[in-house]
């Protein structure tokens, strides 16, 4: 019986989808070390991210880095999800755009935007 369980386990593991090796196909990064930066990358699986930031209210008590950017990925449902955002004195402000592959389901939008 134990041997049968081991064979079933091996069969299930062997039948599972194999992970894809994801490679970075583009990487750009620039940082002045003083709060202003930008970066972007793209991976072989279609995932992308880009972001830029700038120091605001320099020297003031409420100095902060404002950021804007986006990230994109292809979900297991084949839909490309694109989230664009701004993070500044008004907080984190994301928006989701419909990407190739179909409409983003309302439940997914609600879960991503919290």
PDB file of N, CA and C in Angstrom:
ATOM      1  N   UNK A   1       0.828  -1.195   0.000  1.00  0.00           N
ATOM      2  CA  UNK A   1       0.000   0.000   0.000  1.00  0.00           C
ATOM      3  C   UNK A   1       0.873   1.261   0.000  1.00  0.00           C
ATOM      4  N   UNK A   2       1.949   1.270   0.807  1.00  0.00           N
ATOM      5  CA  UNK A   2       2.832   2.425   0.853  1.00  0.00           C
ATOM      6  C   UNK A   2       3.479   2.663  -0.507  1.00  0.00           C
ATOM      7  N   UNK A   3       3.837   1.584  -1.176  1.00  0.00           N
ATOM      8  CA  UNK A   3       4.461   1.694  -2.486  1.00  0.00           C
ATOM      9  C   UNK A   3       3.483   2.305  -3.486  1.00  0.00           C
ATOM     10  N   UNK A   4       2.219   1.920  -3.409  1.00  0.00           N
ATOM     11  CA  UNK A   4       1.198   2.483  -4.289  1.00  0.00           C
ATOM     12  C   UNK A   4       1.055   3.984  -4.058  1.00  0.00           C
ATOM     13  N   UNK A   5       1.067   4.418  -2.812  1.00  0.00           N
ATOM     14  CA  UNK A   5       0.962   5.832  -2.474  1.00  0.00           C
ATOM     15  C   UNK A   5       2.160   6.597  -3.036  1.00  0.00           C
ATOM     16  N   UNK A   6       3.346   6.034  -2.927  1.00  0.00           N
ATOM     17  CA  UNK A   6       4.548   6.671  -3.456  1.00  0.00           C
ATOM     18  C   UNK A   6       4.439   6.819  -4.968  1.00  0.00           C
ATOM     19  N   UNK A   7       3.981   5.770  -5.668  1.00  0.00           N
ATOM     20  CA  UNK A   7       3.837   5.850  -7.119  1.00  0.00           C
ATOM     21  C   UNK A   7       2.783   6.882  -7.520  1.00  0.00           C
ATOM     22  N   UNK A   8       1.693   6.956  -6.793  1.00  0.00           N
ATOM     23  CA  UNK A   8       0.659   7.951  -7.087  1.00  0.00           C
ATOM     24  C   UNK A   8       1.229   9.355  -6.895  1.00  0.00           C
ATOM     25  N   UNK A   9       1.971   9.540  -5.811  1.00  0.00           N
ATOM     26  CA  UNK A   9       2.582  10.838  -5.549  1.00  0.00           C
ATOM     27  C   UNK A   9       3.545  11.224  -6.671  1.00  0.00           C
ATOM     28  N   UNK A  10       4.376  10.312  -7.104  1.00  0.00           N
ATOM     29  CA  UNK A  10       5.329  10.577  -8.184  1.00  0.00           C
ATOM     30  C   UNK A  10       4.587  10.909  -9.477  1.00  0.00           C
ATOM     31  N   UNK A  11       3.506  10.181  -9.750  1.00  0.00           N
ATOM     32  CA  UNK A  11       2.726  10.438 -10.963  1.00  0.00           C
ATOM     33  C   UNK A  11       2.111  11.835 -10.934  1.00  0.00           C
ATOM     34  N   UNK A  12       1.605  12.251  -9.778  1.00  0.00           N
ATOM     35  CA  UNK A  12       1.003  13.582  -9.649  1.00  0.00           C
ATOM     36  C   UNK A  12       2.061  14.660  -9.843  1.00  0.00           C
ATOM     37  N   UNK A  13       3.218  14.483  -9.222  1.00  0.00           N
ATOM     38  CA  UNK A  13       4.296  15.467  -9.358  1.00  0.00           C
ATOM     39  C   UNK A  13       4.781  15.538 -10.804  1.00  0.00           C
ATOM     40  N   UNK A  14       4.915  14.415 -11.460  1.00  0.00           N
ATOM     41  CA  UNK A  14       5.384  14.388 -12.846  1.00  0.00           C
ATOM     42  C   UNK A  14       4.372  15.034 -13.790  1.00  0.00           C
ATOM     43  N   UNK A  15       3.082  14.923 -13.471  1.00  0.00           N
ATOM     44  CA  UNK A  15       2.042  15.482 -14.328  1.00  0.00           C
ATOM     45  C   UNK A  15       1.837  16.977 -14.101  1.00  0.00           C
ATOM     46  N   UNK A  16       2.364  17.509 -13.021  1.00  0.00           N
ATOM     47  CA  UNK A  16       2.200  18.934 -12.723  1.00  0.00           C
ATOM     48  C   UNK A  16       2.921  19.768 -13.774  1.00  0.00           C
ATOM     49  N   UNK A  17       2.373  20.952 -14.067  1.00  0.00           N
ATOM     50  CA  UNK A  17       3.038  21.806 -15.046  1.00  0.00           C
ATOM     51  C   UNK A  17       4.450  22.161 -14.569  1.00  0.00           C
ATOM     52  N   UNK A  18       5.386  22.133 -15.496  1.00  0.00           N
ATOM     53  CA  UNK A  18       6.759  22.457 -15.151  1.00  0.00           C
ATOM     54  C   UNK A  18       6.933  23.978 -15.146  1.00  0.00           C
ATOM     55  N   UNK A  19       7.720  24.461 -14.214  1.00  0.00           N
ATOM     56  CA  UNK A  19       7.921  25.899 -14.127  1.00  0.00           C
ATOM     57  C   UNK A  19       8.749  26.382 -15.315  1.00  0.00           C
ATOM     58  N   UNK A  20       8.432  27.564 -15.736  1.00  0.00           N
ATOM     59  CA  UNK A  20       9.125  28.171 -16.871  1.00  0.00           C
ATOM     60  C   UNK A  20      10.262  29.025 -16.326  1.00  0.00           C
ATOM     61  N   UNK A  21      11.438  28.902 -16.909  1.00  0.00           N
ATOM     62  CA  UNK A  21      12.544  29.767 -16.530  1.00  0.00           C
ATOM     63  C   UNK A  21      12.275  31.149 -17.100  1.00  0.00           C
ATOM     64  N   UNK A  22      12.132  32.117 -16.218  1.00  0.00           N
ATOM     65  CA  UNK A  22      11.857  33.485 -16.637  1.00  0.00           C
ATOM     66  C   UNK A  22      13.172  34.254 -16.651  1.00  0.00           C
ATOM     67  N   UNK A  23      13.405  34.931 -17.757  1.00  0.00           N
ATOM     68  CA  UNK A  23      14.640  35.694 -17.928  1.00  0.00           C
ATOM     69  C   UNK A  23      14.326  37.190 -17.967  1.00  0.00           C
ATOM     70  N   UNK A  24      15.241  37.995 -17.466  1.00  0.00           N
ATOM     71  CA  UNK A  24      15.130  39.443 -17.598  1.00  0.00           C
ATOM     72  C   UNK A  24      15.629  39.795 -18.993  1.00  0.00           C
ATOM     73  N   UNK A  25      14.761  40.452 -19.790  1.00  0.00           N
ATOM     74  CA  UNK A  25      15.145  40.810 -21.154  1.00  0.00           C
ATOM     75  C   UNK A  25      15.473  42.293 -21.286  1.00  0.00           C
ATOM     76  N   UNK A  26      15.099  43.085 -20.288  1.00  0.00           N
ATOM     77  CA  UNK A  26      15.428  44.508 -20.305  1.00  0.00           C
ATOM     78  C   UNK A  26      15.534  44.993 -18.869  1.00  0.00           C
ATOM     79  N   UNK A  27      16.569  45.779 -18.586  1.00  0.00           N
ATOM     80  CA  UNK A  27      16.753  46.352 -17.254  1.00  0.00           C
ATOM     81  C   UNK A  27      17.420  47.705 -17.406  1.00  0.00           C
ATOM     82  N   UNK A  28      16.751  48.748 -16.927  1.00  0.00           N
ATOM     83  CA  UNK A  28      17.278  50.105 -16.948  1.00  0.00           C
ATOM     84  C   UNK A  28      17.098  50.672 -15.550  1.00  0.00           C
ATOM     85  N   UNK A  29      18.143  51.283 -15.016  1.00  0.00           N
ATOM     86  CA  UNK A  29      18.063  51.847 -13.676  1.00  0.00           C
ATOM     87  C   UNK A  29      18.930  53.087 -13.577  1.00  0.00           C
ATOM     88  N   UNK A  30      18.385  54.139 -12.974  1.00  0.00           N
ATOM     89  CA  UNK A  30      19.127  55.376 -12.754  1.00  0.00           C
ATOM     90  C   UNK A  30      18.670  55.957 -11.429  1.00  0.00           C
ATOM     91  N   UNK A  31      19.627  56.235 -10.538  1.00  0.00           N
ATOM     92  CA  UNK A  31      19.313  56.745  -9.215  1.00  0.00           C
ATOM     93  C   UNK A  31      20.366  57.766  -8.838  1.00  0.00           C
ATOM     94  N   UNK A  32      19.935  58.994  -8.538  1.00  0.00           N
ATOM     95  CA  UNK A  32      20.914  60.024  -8.179  1.00  0.00           C
ATOM     96  C   UNK A  32      21.321  59.960  -6.707  1.00  0.00           C
ATOM     97  N   UNK A  33      20.704  59.069  -5.927  1.00  0.00           N
ATOM     98  CA  UNK A  33      21.039  58.936  -4.516  1.00  0.00           C
ATOM     99  C   UNK A  33      20.444  60.022  -3.640  1.00  0.00           C
ATOM    100  N   UNK A  34      19.702  60.927  -4.239  1.00  0.00           N
ATOM    101  CA  UNK A  34      19.120  62.048  -3.498  1.00  0.00           C
ATOM    102  C   UNK A  34      17.596  62.040  -3.541  1.00  0.00           C
ATOM    103  N   UNK A  35      17.020  60.948  -4.013  1.00  0.00           N
ATOM    104  CA  UNK A  35      15.571  60.839  -4.044  1.00  0.00           C
ATOM    105  C   UNK A  35      14.967  60.761  -5.430  1.00  0.00           C
ATOM    106  N   UNK A  36      15.715  61.157  -6.449  1.00  0.00           N
ATOM    107  CA  UNK A  36      15.207  61.071  -7.816  1.00  0.00           C
ATOM    108  C   UNK A  36      15.747  59.802  -8.464  1.00  0.00           C
ATOM    109  N   UNK A  37      14.851  59.024  -9.041  1.00  0.00           N
ATOM    110  CA  UNK A  37      15.260  57.759  -9.652  1.00  0.00           C
ATOM    111  C   UNK A  37      14.265  57.363 -10.735  1.00  0.00           C
ATOM    112  N   UNK A  38      14.664  56.409 -11.552  1.00  0.00           N
ATOM    113  CA  UNK A  38      13.752  55.744 -12.470  1.00  0.00           C
ATOM    114  C   UNK A  38      14.334  54.373 -12.774  1.00  0.00           C
ATOM    115  N   UNK A  39      13.453  53.449 -13.011  1.00  0.00           N
ATOM    116  CA  UNK A  39      13.874  52.110 -13.414  1.00  0.00           C
ATOM    117  C   UNK A  39      12.770  51.467 -14.217  1.00  0.00           C
ATOM    118  N   UNK A  40      13.166  50.478 -14.984  1.00  0.00           N
ATOM    119  CA  UNK A  40      12.195  49.650 -15.698  1.00  0.00           C
ATOM    120  C   UNK A  40      12.827  48.305 -15.989  1.00  0.00           C
ATOM    121  N   UNK A  41      11.987  47.301 -16.047  1.00  0.00           N
ATOM    122  CA  UNK A  41      12.457  45.988 -16.461  1.00  0.00           C
ATOM    123  C   UNK A  41      11.340  45.268 -17.189  1.00  0.00           C
ATOM    124  N   UNK A  42      11.756  44.301 -17.984  1.00  0.00           N
ATOM    125  CA  UNK A  42      10.821  43.444 -18.706  1.00  0.00           C
ATOM    126  C   UNK A  42      11.348  42.023 -18.623  1.00  0.00           C
ATOM    127  N   UNK A  43      10.443  41.076 -18.438  1.00  0.00           N
ATOM    128  CA  UNK A  43      10.821  39.669 -18.328  1.00  0.00           C
ATOM    129  C   UNK A  43      10.268  38.884 -19.500  1.00  0.00           C
ATOM    130  N   UNK A  44      10.857  37.729 -19.735  1.00  0.00           N
ATOM    131  CA  UNK A  44      10.472  36.904 -20.877  1.00  0.00           C
ATOM    132  C   UNK A  44       9.046  36.367 -20.783  1.00  0.00           C
ATOM    133  N   UNK A  45       8.435  36.391 -19.611  1.00  0.00           N
ATOM    134  CA  UNK A  45       7.056  35.926 -19.463  1.00  0.00           C
ATOM    135  C   UNK A  45       6.030  37.021 -19.731  1.00  0.00           C
ATOM    136  N   UNK A  46       6.491  38.209 -20.149  1.00  0.00           N
ATOM    137  CA  UNK A  46       5.581  39.313 -20.445  1.00  0.00           C
ATOM    138  C   UNK A  46       5.390  40.281 -19.299  1.00  0.00           C
ATOM    139  N   UNK A  47       5.917  39.970 -18.127  1.00  0.00           N
ATOM    140  CA  UNK A  47       5.812  40.880 -16.992  1.00  0.00           C
ATOM    141  C   UNK A  47       6.694  42.094 -17.226  1.00  0.00           C
ATOM    142  N   UNK A  48       6.188  43.263 -16.831  1.00  0.00           N
ATOM    143  CA  UNK A  48       6.939  44.509 -16.984  1.00  0.00           C
ATOM    144  C   UNK A  48       6.678  45.387 -15.768  1.00  0.00           C
ATOM    145  N   UNK A  49       7.636  46.248 -15.481  1.00  0.00           N
ATOM    146  CA  UNK A  49       7.446  47.245 -14.438  1.00  0.00           C
ATOM    147  C   UNK A  49       8.303  48.449 -14.776  1.00  0.00           C
ATOM    148  N   UNK A  50       7.753  49.629 -14.519  1.00  0.00           N
ATOM    149  CA  UNK A  50       8.517  50.859 -14.658  1.00  0.00           C
ATOM    150  C   UNK A  50       8.059  51.796 -13.552  1.00  0.00           C
ATOM    151  N   UNK A  51       9.007  52.575 -13.042  1.00  0.00           N
ATOM    152  CA  UNK A  51       8.689  53.499 -11.960  1.00  0.00           C
ATOM    153  C   UNK A  51       9.674  54.647 -11.977  1.00  0.00           C
ATOM    154  N   UNK A  52       9.193  55.818 -11.610  1.00  0.00           N
ATOM    155  CA  UNK A  52      10.077  56.961 -11.428  1.00  0.00           C
ATOM    156  C   UNK A  52       9.668  57.667 -10.143  1.00  0.00           C
ATOM    157  N   UNK A  53      10.641  58.293  -9.532  1.00  0.00           N
ATOM    158  CA  UNK A  53      10.379  59.005  -8.296  1.00  0.00           C
ATOM    159  C   UNK A  53      11.152  60.299  -8.260  1.00  0.00           C
ATOM    160  N   UNK A  54      10.587  61.257  -7.537  1.00  0.00           N
ATOM    161  CA  UNK A  54      11.267  62.534  -7.378  1.00  0.00           C
ATOM    162  C   UNK A  54      11.044  63.046  -5.967  1.00  0.00           C
ATOM    163  N   UNK A  55      12.065  63.657  -5.414  1.00  0.00           N
ATOM    164  CA  UNK A  55      12.003  64.223  -4.081  1.00  0.00           C
ATOM    165  C   UNK A  55      11.205  65.512  -4.133  1.00  0.00           C
ATOM    166  N   UNK A  56      10.236  65.625  -3.245  1.00  0.00           N
ATOM    167  CA  UNK A  56       9.408  66.834  -3.177  1.00  0.00           C
ATOM    168  C   UNK A  56       9.543  67.474  -1.799  1.00  0.00           C
ATOM    169  N   UNK A  57       9.301  68.759  -1.757  1.00  0.00           N
ATOM    170  CA  UNK A  57       9.427  69.555  -0.528  1.00  0.00           C
ATOM    171  C   UNK A  57      10.826  69.416   0.062  1.00  0.00           C
ATOM    172  N   UNK A  58      11.825  69.519  -0.799  1.00  0.00           N
ATOM    173  CA  UNK A  58      13.222  69.331  -0.409  1.00  0.00           C
ATOM    174  C   UNK A  58      13.585  70.251   0.756  1.00  0.00           C
ATOM    175  N   UNK A  59      14.135  69.644   1.803  1.00  0.00           N
ATOM    176  CA  UNK A  59      14.589  70.384   2.974  1.00  0.00           C
ATOM    177  C   UNK A  59      13.502  70.695   3.985  1.00  0.00           C
ATOM    178  N   UNK A  60      12.246  70.493   3.627  1.00  0.00           N
ATOM    179  CA  UNK A  60      11.139  70.770   4.549  1.00  0.00           C
ATOM    180  C   UNK A  60      10.891  69.569   5.458  1.00  0.00           C
ATOM    181  N   UNK A  61      10.144  69.802   6.501  1.00  0.00           N
ATOM    182  CA  UNK A  61       9.815  68.727   7.440  1.00  0.00           C
ATOM    183  C   UNK A  61       8.978  67.640   6.775  1.00  0.00           C
ATOM    184  N   UNK A  62       8.178  68.030   5.785  1.00  0.00           N
ATOM    185  CA  UNK A  62       7.320  67.063   5.098  1.00  0.00           C
ATOM    186  C   UNK A  62       7.912  66.604   3.758  1.00  0.00           C
ATOM    187  N   UNK A  63       9.242  66.543   3.669  1.00  0.00           N
ATOM    188  CA  UNK A  63       9.931  66.056   2.469  1.00  0.00           C
ATOM    189  C   UNK A  63       9.523  64.612   2.193  1.00  0.00           C
ATOM    190  N   UNK A  64       9.290  64.296   0.922  1.00  0.00           N
ATOM    191  CA  UNK A  64       8.914  62.930   0.569  1.00  0.00           C
ATOM    192  C   UNK A  64       9.267  62.653  -0.883  1.00  0.00           C
ATOM    193  N   UNK A  65       9.270  61.375  -1.235  1.00  0.00           N
ATOM    194  CA  UNK A  65       9.498  60.959  -2.615  1.00  0.00           C
ATOM    195  C   UNK A  65       8.151  60.617  -3.232  1.00  0.00           C
ATOM    196  N   UNK A  66       7.779  61.333  -4.293  1.00  0.00           N
ATOM    197  CA  UNK A  66       6.562  61.039  -5.041  1.00  0.00           C
ATOM    198  C   UNK A  66       6.933  60.044  -6.134  1.00  0.00           C
ATOM    199  N   UNK A  67       6.083  59.048  -6.337  1.00  0.00           N
ATOM    200  CA  UNK A  67       6.365  57.993  -7.306  1.00  0.00           C
ATOM    201  C   UNK A  67       5.207  57.837  -8.285  1.00  0.00           C
ATOM    202  N   UNK A  68       5.549  57.409  -9.475  1.00  0.00           N
ATOM    203  CA  UNK A  68       4.534  57.017 -10.452  1.00  0.00           C
ATOM    204  C   UNK A  68       5.103  55.874 -11.271  1.00  0.00           C
ATOM    205  N   UNK A  69       4.222  55.031 -11.751  1.00  0.00           N
ATOM    206  CA  UNK A  69       4.699  53.910 -12.536  1.00  0.00           C
ATOM    207  C   UNK A  69       3.582  52.971 -12.934  1.00  0.00           C
ATOM    208  N   UNK A  70       3.993  51.804 -13.381  1.00  0.00           N
ATOM    209  CA  UNK A  70       3.029  50.781 -13.782  1.00  0.00           C
ATOM    210  C   UNK A  70       3.684  49.412 -13.720  1.00  0.00           C
ATOM    211  N   UNK A  71       2.840  48.414 -13.621  1.00  0.00           N
ATOM    212  CA  UNK A  71       3.312  47.040 -13.746  1.00  0.00           C
ATOM    213  C   UNK A  71       2.273  46.241 -14.511  1.00  0.00           C
ATOM    214  N   UNK A  72       2.767  45.272 -15.260  1.00  0.00           N
ATOM    215  CA  UNK A  72       1.944  44.489 -16.174  1.00  0.00           C
ATOM    216  C   UNK A  72       2.305  43.021 -16.031  1.00  0.00           C
ATOM    217  N   UNK A  73       1.307  42.162 -16.073  1.00  0.00           N
ATOM    218  CA  UNK A  73       1.563  40.724 -16.090  1.00  0.00           C
ATOM    219  C   UNK A  73       0.428  40.028 -16.810  1.00  0.00           C
ATOM    220  N   UNK A  74       0.712  38.860 -17.332  1.00  0.00           N
ATOM    221  CA  UNK A  74      -0.297  38.032 -17.987  1.00  0.00           C
ATOM    222  C   UNK A  74      -0.732  36.979 -16.984  1.00  0.00           C
ATOM    223  N   UNK A  75      -2.006  36.996 -16.640  1.00  0.00           N
ATOM    224  CA  UNK A  75      -2.539  36.045 -15.674  1.00  0.00           C
ATOM    225  C   UNK A  75      -2.739  34.671 -16.277  1.00  0.00           C
ATOM    226  N   UNK A  76      -2.992  33.680 -15.422  1.00  0.00           N
ATOM    227  CA  UNK A  76      -3.223  32.326 -15.917  1.00  0.00           C
ATOM    228  C   UNK A  76      -4.463  32.223 -16.803  1.00  0.00           C
ATOM    229  N   UNK A  77      -5.336  33.248 -16.726  1.00  0.00           N
ATOM    230  CA  UNK A  77      -6.534  33.278 -17.561  1.00  0.00           C
ATOM    231  C   UNK A  77      -6.259  33.867 -18.942  1.00  0.00           C
ATOM    232  N   UNK A  78      -4.984  34.252 -19.208  1.00  0.00           N
ATOM    233  CA  UNK A  78      -4.620  34.804 -20.501  1.00  0.00           C
ATOM    234  C   UNK A  78      -4.846  36.297 -20.636  1.00  0.00           C
ATOM    235  N   UNK A  79      -5.400  36.928 -19.605  1.00  0.00           N
ATOM    236  CA  UNK A  79      -5.663  38.362 -19.630  1.00  0.00           C
ATOM    237  C   UNK A  79      -4.402  39.102 -19.192  1.00  0.00           C
ATOM    238  N   UNK A  80      -4.065  40.172 -19.897  1.00  0.00           N
ATOM    239  CA  UNK A  80      -2.955  41.029 -19.490  1.00  0.00           C
ATOM    240  C   UNK A  80      -3.496  42.062 -18.516  1.00  0.00           C
ATOM    241  N   UNK A  81      -2.936  42.089 -17.329  1.00  0.00           N
ATOM    242  CA  UNK A  81      -3.339  43.030 -16.285  1.00  0.00           C
ATOM    243  C   UNK A  81      -2.334  44.181 -16.265  1.00  0.00           C
ATOM    244  N   UNK A  82      -2.831  45.413 -16.306  1.00  0.00           N
ATOM    245  CA  UNK A  82      -1.988  46.608 -16.298  1.00  0.00           C
ATOM    246  C   UNK A  82      -2.450  47.499 -15.156  1.00  0.00           C
ATOM    247  N   UNK A  83      -1.575  47.711 -14.196  1.00  0.00           N
ATOM    248  CA  UNK A  83      -1.879  48.590 -13.074  1.00  0.00           C
ATOM    249  C   UNK A  83      -0.973  49.807 -13.192  1.00  0.00           C
ATOM    250  N   UNK A  84      -1.573  50.994 -13.254  1.00  0.00           N
ATOM    251  CA  UNK A  84      -0.825  52.245 -13.247  1.00  0.00           C
ATOM    252  C   UNK A  84      -1.086  52.915 -11.903  1.00  0.00           C
ATOM    253  N   UNK A  85      -0.088  53.604 -11.393  1.00  0.00           N
ATOM    254  CA  UNK A  85      -0.259  54.201 -10.080  1.00  0.00           C
ATOM    255  C   UNK A  85       0.534  55.484  -9.919  1.00  0.00           C
ATOM    256  N   UNK A  86       0.066  56.272  -8.968  1.00  0.00           N
ATOM    257  CA  UNK A  86       0.759  57.461  -8.475  1.00  0.00           C
ATOM    258  C   UNK A  86       0.752  57.327  -6.957  1.00  0.00           C
ATOM    259  N   UNK A  87       1.867  57.634  -6.333  1.00  0.00           N
ATOM    260  CA  UNK A  87       1.943  57.667  -4.866  1.00  0.00           C
ATOM    261  C   UNK A  87       2.578  59.005  -4.509  1.00  0.00           C
ATOM    262  N   UNK A  88       1.772  59.892  -3.935  1.00  0.00           N
ATOM    263  CA  UNK A  88       2.263  61.227  -3.605  1.00  0.00           C
ATOM    264  C   UNK A  88       1.595  61.720  -2.336  1.00  0.00           C
ATOM    265  N   UNK A  89       1.495  63.033  -2.172  1.00  0.00           N
ATOM    266  CA  UNK A  89       0.893  63.592  -0.963  1.00  0.00           C
ATOM    267  C   UNK A  89      -0.580  63.205  -0.814  1.00  0.00           C
ATOM    268  N   UNK A  90      -1.192  62.697  -1.883  1.00  0.00           N
ATOM    269  CA  UNK A  90      -2.590  62.256  -1.837  1.00  0.00           C
ATOM    270  C   UNK A  90      -2.726  60.755  -1.617  1.00  0.00           C
ATOM    271  N   UNK A  91      -1.622  60.057  -1.350  1.00  0.00           N
ATOM    272  CA  UNK A  91      -1.650  58.623  -1.104  1.00  0.00           C
ATOM    273  C   UNK A  91      -1.416  57.808  -2.367  1.00  0.00           C
ATOM    274  N   UNK A  92      -1.679  56.516  -2.244  1.00  0.00           N
ATOM    275  CA  UNK A  92      -1.499  55.574  -3.349  1.00  0.00           C
ATOM    276  C   UNK A  92      -2.762  55.579  -4.193  1.00  0.00           C
ATOM    277  N   UNK A  93      -2.619  55.850  -5.498  1.00  0.00           N
ATOM    278  CA  UNK A  93      -3.763  55.986  -6.395  1.00  0.00           C
ATOM    279  C   UNK A  93      -3.591  55.076  -7.603  1.00  0.00           C
ATOM    280  N   UNK A  94      -4.026  53.824  -7.499  1.00  0.00           N
ATOM    281  CA  UNK A  94      -3.886  52.902  -8.625  1.00  0.00           C
ATOM    282  C   UNK A  94      -5.086  52.945  -9.563  1.00  0.00           C
ATOM    283  N   UNK A  95      -4.845  52.613 -10.826  1.00  0.00           N
ATOM    284  CA  UNK A  95      -5.914  52.387 -11.795  1.00  0.00           C
ATOM    285  C   UNK A  95      -5.557  51.113 -12.563  1.00  0.00           C
ATOM    286  N   UNK A  96      -6.575  50.395 -12.995  1.00  0.00           N
ATOM    287  CA  UNK A  96      -6.362  49.166 -13.751  1.00  0.00           C
ATOM    288  C   UNK A  96      -6.930  49.360 -15.146  1.00  0.00           C
ATOM    289  N   UNK A  97      -6.127  49.008 -16.142  1.00  0.00           N
ATOM    290  CA  UNK A  97      -6.571  49.098 -17.523  1.00  0.00           C
ATOM    291  C   UNK A  97      -6.826  47.710 -18.071  1.00  0.00           C
ATOM    292  N   UNK A  98      -7.771  47.620 -18.982  1.00  0.00           N
ATOM    293  CA  UNK A  98      -8.037  46.365 -19.667  1.00  0.00           C
ATOM    294  C   UNK A  98      -6.904  46.107 -20.639  1.00  0.00           C
ATOM    295  N   UNK A  99      -6.348  44.938 -20.555  1.00  0.00           N
ATOM    296  CA  UNK A  99      -5.257  44.592 -21.451  1.00  0.00           C
ATOM    297  C   UNK A  99      -5.704  43.600 -22.495  1.00  0.00           C
ATOM    298  N   UNK A 100      -4.805  43.235 -23.398  1.00  0.00           N
ATOM    299  CA  UNK A 100      -5.131  42.223 -24.401  1.00  0.00           C
ATOM    300  C   UNK A 100      -5.521  40.906 -23.739  1.00  0.00           C
ATOM    301  N   UNK A 101      -6.462  40.211 -24.319  1.00  0.00           N
ATOM    302  CA  UNK A 101      -6.854  38.907 -23.801  1.00  0.00           C
ATOM    303  C   UNK A 101      -8.224  38.904 -23.159  1.00  0.00           C
ATOM    304  N   UNK A 102      -8.833  40.070 -23.008  1.00  0.00           N
ATOM    305  CA  UNK A 102     -10.171  40.110 -22.438  1.00  0.00           C
ATOM    306  C   UNK A 102     -10.285  41.134 -21.339  1.00  0.00           C
ATOM    307  N   UNK A 103     -11.497  41.302 -20.873  1.00  0.00           N
ATOM    308  CA  UNK A 103     -11.763  42.272 -19.814  1.00  0.00           C
ATOM    309  C   UNK A 103     -11.273  41.729 -18.473  1.00  0.00           C
ATOM    310  N   UNK A 104     -10.808  42.634 -17.645  1.00  0.00           N
ATOM    311  CA  UNK A 104     -10.403  42.258 -16.292  1.00  0.00           C
ATOM    312  C   UNK A 104     -11.678  42.066 -15.476  1.00  0.00           C
ATOM    313  N   UNK A 105     -11.873  40.877 -14.886  1.00  0.00           N
ATOM    314  CA  UNK A 105     -13.086  40.622 -14.113  1.00  0.00           C
ATOM    315  C   UNK A 105     -13.236  41.603 -12.947  1.00  0.00           C
ATOM    316  N   UNK A 106     -14.473  42.021 -12.664  1.00  0.00           N
ATOM    317  CA  UNK A 106     -14.749  42.996 -11.607  1.00  0.00           C
ATOM    318  C   UNK A 106     -14.205  42.563 -10.257  1.00  0.00           C
ATOM    319  N   UNK A 107     -14.279  41.268  -9.940  1.00  0.00           N
ATOM    320  CA  UNK A 107     -13.758  40.776  -8.669  1.00  0.00           C
ATOM    321  C   UNK A 107     -12.257  40.954  -8.557  1.00  0.00           C
ATOM    322  N   UNK A 108     -11.542  40.800  -9.663  1.00  0.00           N
ATOM    323  CA  UNK A 108     -10.089  40.989  -9.668  1.00  0.00           C
ATOM    324  C   UNK A 108      -9.770  42.462  -9.444  1.00  0.00           C
ATOM    325  N   UNK A 109     -10.505  43.346 -10.115  1.00  0.00           N
ATOM    326  CA  UNK A 109     -10.297  44.784  -9.942  1.00  0.00           C
ATOM    327  C   UNK A 109     -10.509  45.154  -8.475  1.00  0.00           C
ATOM    328  N   UNK A 110     -11.575  44.667  -7.889  1.00  0.00           N
ATOM    329  CA  UNK A 110     -11.865  44.982  -6.482  1.00  0.00           C
ATOM    330  C   UNK A 110     -10.775  44.477  -5.554  1.00  0.00           C
ATOM    331  N   UNK A 111     -10.255  43.281  -5.811  1.00  0.00           N
ATOM    332  CA  UNK A 111      -9.216  42.731  -4.933  1.00  0.00           C
ATOM    333  C   UNK A 111      -7.894  43.479  -5.091  1.00  0.00           C
ATOM    334  N   UNK A 112      -7.584  43.956  -6.295  1.00  0.00           N
ATOM    335  CA  UNK A 112      -6.336  44.680  -6.516  1.00  0.00           C
ATOM    336  C   UNK A 112      -6.370  46.095  -5.961  1.00  0.00           C
ATOM    337  N   UNK A 113      -7.537  46.723  -6.007  1.00  0.00           N
ATOM    338  CA  UNK A 113      -7.641  48.093  -5.532  1.00  0.00           C
ATOM    339  C   UNK A 113      -8.013  48.175  -4.066  1.00  0.00           C
ATOM    340  N   UNK A 114      -8.317  47.030  -3.477  1.00  0.00           N
ATOM    341  CA  UNK A 114      -8.536  46.965  -2.032  1.00  0.00           C
ATOM    342  C   UNK A 114      -9.828  47.526  -1.613  1.00  0.00           C
TER     343      UNK A 114
END
